[in-house]
Structure formats: structure tokens, C-alpha cells
Amino acid sequence: MLKGIHPVLNPDLLRAIARMGHGDEIVIADANFPSSTMGPEMIRADGVSATDMAEAILAHMPLDTFVPETAWRMEVVGDPQAVPDVCSEFQAIVSKRAGDFKIASLERFAFYERSRKAAYIVATTEFRLYGNLILKKGVVHPHEVFTG
């Protein structure tokens, strides 16, 4: 155990977000997402919801402020205007942890395509449909680094 680290972040997840650089993306995937066949390294997070994972990652990772979009959710097939409850929760977490960022939506296959280019995919056991989120890592500023 370490002090100050969100308890949902296991050693593999800590390693992953620490290794990511500015502009790298991480996918938080629900239980139905084809995590193991997308291509990027998959990290299992069994017993963890996608919203808890988003909260944990955003407790330690900034979002990119140099681009117009920095977080994406998957659109509902057949109803792209619908916003499932899990996606509303994602937005609340992003607003709380990262500030004034609006989560953009991507059509299902566009979401898959973007996921294939991510640095990592975190496979949660989120059972709510459309519980998928992509986050783009931002810059860690000198004043945010531990100084002792």
C-alpha cells in the first residue's frame, strides 16, 4: 500500500499512467468491450466499475488542455443523441476531477478505431452498457510534482 494513491489503481495501472506521455490515450472499457483484441496492452480491473476507474485515474492524471477534445464516450447505436446514465456519471467525474472539459461522443466503430491507437485499455467489470471512456493525458506541470 502507498499513501495518497487511489486504492483502485493496482501496480499495473500505476505503471501504465506513469509511463504515458502528453497526448497518449487510455481507454476505460466496460465488460462487453472487446478489450483483448483491440491491440493495445490490456490491464484487467476485475470488480471495478468504469466510473470508479475514471475517478481513480483522474485523481492522478491531468487531461490535455492543448486540444479541443480530450475525452470521448461511445454513442448509443441507433440513437446518437442519447446519453446513458453511466456517461452522465463520466461527465460529472471529469468536471469534478479535471475541470471544464466536455466529453465528446464517437460512433461505435470510430470509438473502436480510436481505441486501437490508445496506449492502454483498462478492462473493468462495468456491466452498464456504453460504459466506455477514452481519456487523453495532459501535461504535468512542475508545481504538481511532489517536492518533499
Protein backbone atom coordinates (compact mmCIF):
# COMPACT_ATOMS: atom_id res chain seq x y z
CA MET A 1 0.00 0.00 0.00
CA LEU A 2 1.09 3.54 -0.68
CA LYS A 3 -0.21 6.76 0.81
CA GLY A 4 -2.07 9.17 -1.45
CA ILE A 5 -2.70 6.67 -4.25
CA HIS A 6 -6.29 5.85 -5.16
CA PRO A 7 -6.86 2.25 -3.95
CA VAL A 8 -8.43 1.14 -7.27
CA LEU A 9 -5.10 1.68 -9.04
CA ASN A 10 -3.18 -1.57 -8.92
CA PRO A 11 0.57 -1.68 -9.70
CA ASP A 12 -0.04 -2.35 -13.41
CA LEU A 13 -2.34 0.66 -13.70
CA LEU A 14 0.07 2.91 -11.81
CA ARG A 15 2.86 1.83 -14.15
CA ALA A 16 0.65 2.48 -17.18
CA ILE A 17 -0.44 6.01 -16.30
CA ALA A 18 3.08 6.89 -15.14
CA ARG A 19 4.55 5.72 -18.47
CA MET A 20 2.04 7.62 -20.58
CA GLY A 21 3.17 10.90 -22.07
CA HIS A 22 1.38 14.06 -23.14
CA GLY A 23 -1.20 13.18 -25.80
CA ASP A 24 -1.28 9.45 -25.07
CA GLU A 25 -4.74 7.98 -24.60
CA ILE A 26 -6.13 5.38 -22.22
CA VAL A 27 -9.42 3.51 -22.68
CA ILE A 28 -11.63 2.63 -19.74
CA ALA A 29 -13.69 -0.26 -21.07
CA ASP A 30 -16.88 -1.91 -19.88
CA ALA A 31 -17.38 -5.67 -19.55
CA ASN A 32 -18.70 -6.02 -23.12
CA PHE A 33 -15.88 -4.13 -24.83
CA PRO A 34 -13.52 -6.31 -26.94
CA SER A 35 -10.51 -5.26 -24.83
CA SER A 36 -8.25 -8.21 -25.59
CA THR A 37 -8.49 -7.92 -29.39
CA MET A 38 -8.04 -4.16 -29.88
CA GLY A 39 -4.25 -4.25 -29.89
CA PRO A 40 -3.01 -2.02 -27.05
CA GLU A 41 -1.84 -3.60 -23.82
CA MET A 42 -4.85 -4.58 -21.73
CA ILE A 43 -4.87 -4.16 -17.97
CA ARG A 44 -7.55 -6.04 -16.03
CA ALA A 45 -9.51 -4.27 -13.32
CA ASP A 46 -11.88 -7.01 -12.18
CA GLY A 47 -14.50 -5.96 -9.68
CA VAL A 48 -14.16 -2.27 -10.56
CA SER A 49 -16.78 -0.15 -12.32
CA ALA A 50 -15.80 2.12 -15.20
CA THR A 51 -16.87 5.19 -13.23
CA ASP A 52 -14.73 4.21 -10.23
CA MET A 53 -11.82 3.67 -12.61
CA ALA A 54 -12.33 7.08 -14.23
CA GLU A 55 -12.36 8.66 -10.76
CA ALA A 56 -9.15 6.86 -9.80
CA ILE A 57 -7.23 7.66 -12.99
CA LEU A 58 -8.29 11.31 -12.99
CA ALA A 59 -7.18 11.64 -9.37
CA HIS A 60 -3.61 11.32 -10.68
CA MET A 61 -3.63 12.08 -14.43
CA PRO A 62 -4.34 15.50 -15.97
CA LEU A 63 -6.30 15.86 -19.19
CA ASP A 64 -4.83 17.54 -22.27
CA THR A 65 -5.52 21.28 -22.40
CA PHE A 66 -3.87 21.82 -25.80
CA VAL A 67 -6.60 20.20 -27.92
CA PRO A 68 -10.31 20.93 -28.35
CA GLU A 69 -11.39 17.41 -27.28
CA THR A 70 -9.72 15.35 -24.56
CA ALA A 71 -12.32 12.75 -23.55
CA TRP A 72 -14.71 10.61 -25.59
CA ARG A 73 -17.60 8.25 -24.93
CA MET A 74 -19.25 5.75 -27.24
CA GLU A 75 -22.51 6.85 -28.88
CA VAL A 76 -25.61 4.74 -28.42
CA VAL A 77 -26.19 2.67 -31.56
CA GLY A 78 -29.38 3.87 -33.27
CA ASP A 79 -29.76 6.92 -31.01
CA PRO A 80 -26.60 9.08 -31.10
CA GLN A 81 -28.29 11.84 -29.07
CA ALA A 82 -28.97 9.54 -26.10
CA VAL A 83 -26.72 9.92 -23.06
CA PRO A 84 -26.78 6.81 -20.85
CA ASP A 85 -26.59 7.33 -17.08
CA VAL A 86 -23.07 5.90 -16.97
CA CYS A 87 -21.95 8.58 -19.46
CA SER A 88 -23.59 11.32 -17.38
CA GLU A 89 -21.60 9.99 -14.43
CA PHE A 90 -18.41 10.12 -16.52
CA GLN A 91 -19.13 13.77 -17.28
CA ALA A 92 -19.64 14.56 -13.59
CA ILE A 93 -16.34 12.86 -12.72
CA VAL A 94 -14.44 14.68 -15.47
CA SER A 95 -15.92 18.01 -14.35
CA LYS A 96 -15.04 17.31 -10.71
CA ARG A 97 -11.53 15.96 -11.27
CA ALA A 98 -10.31 17.72 -14.41
CA GLY A 99 -12.31 20.90 -14.80
CA ASP A 100 -14.29 22.37 -17.66
CA PHE A 101 -14.00 19.57 -20.21
CA LYS A 102 -16.96 18.29 -22.19
CA ILE A 103 -16.89 14.61 -23.11
CA ALA A 104 -17.34 14.23 -26.87
CA SER A 105 -19.16 11.27 -28.41
CA LEU A 106 -17.89 8.90 -31.08
CA GLU A 107 -19.86 6.49 -33.23
CA ARG A 108 -19.26 2.89 -32.08
CA PHE A 109 -16.80 1.89 -34.83
CA ALA A 110 -14.98 5.24 -34.65
CA PHE A 111 -14.62 4.61 -30.90
CA TYR A 112 -13.15 1.18 -31.64
CA GLU A 113 -10.75 2.67 -34.19
CA ARG A 114 -9.53 5.31 -31.73
CA SER A 115 -9.17 2.61 -29.05
CA ARG A 116 -6.82 0.65 -31.31
CA LYS A 117 -4.39 3.60 -31.14
CA ALA A 118 -4.54 4.01 -27.35
CA ALA A 119 -1.55 3.41 -25.11
CA TYR A 120 -3.56 1.10 -22.82
CA ILE A 121 -7.01 -0.40 -22.36
CA VAL A 122 -8.32 -0.91 -18.84
CA ALA A 123 -10.86 -3.75 -18.82
CA THR A 124 -13.32 -3.14 -15.98
CA THR A 125 -16.32 -5.19 -14.98
CA GLU A 126 -18.72 -2.33 -15.67
CA PHE A 127 -21.98 -4.02 -16.68
CA ARG A 128 -23.89 -0.89 -17.71
CA LEU A 129 -24.00 -0.62 -21.49
CA TYR A 130 -21.87 2.12 -23.09
CA GLY A 131 -19.64 2.36 -20.02
CA ASN A 132 -16.61 3.16 -22.19
CA LEU A 133 -14.42 6.25 -22.00
CA ILE A 134 -11.21 7.41 -23.67
CA LEU A 135 -9.01 9.96 -21.87
CA LYS A 136 -6.12 11.94 -23.41
CA LYS A 137 -3.29 12.64 -20.99
CA GLY A 138 -2.19 16.20 -20.49
CA VAL A 139 0.95 17.86 -19.18
CA VAL A 140 2.02 17.52 -15.56
CA HIS A 141 3.26 20.97 -14.53
CA PRO A 142 6.27 21.47 -12.22
CA HIS A 143 4.12 22.75 -9.34
CA GLU A 144 2.09 19.48 -9.45
CA VAL A 145 5.13 17.27 -8.89
CA PHE A 146 5.93 16.12 -5.36
CA THR A 147 8.68 18.23 -3.86
CA GLY A 148 9.06 16.59 -0.47
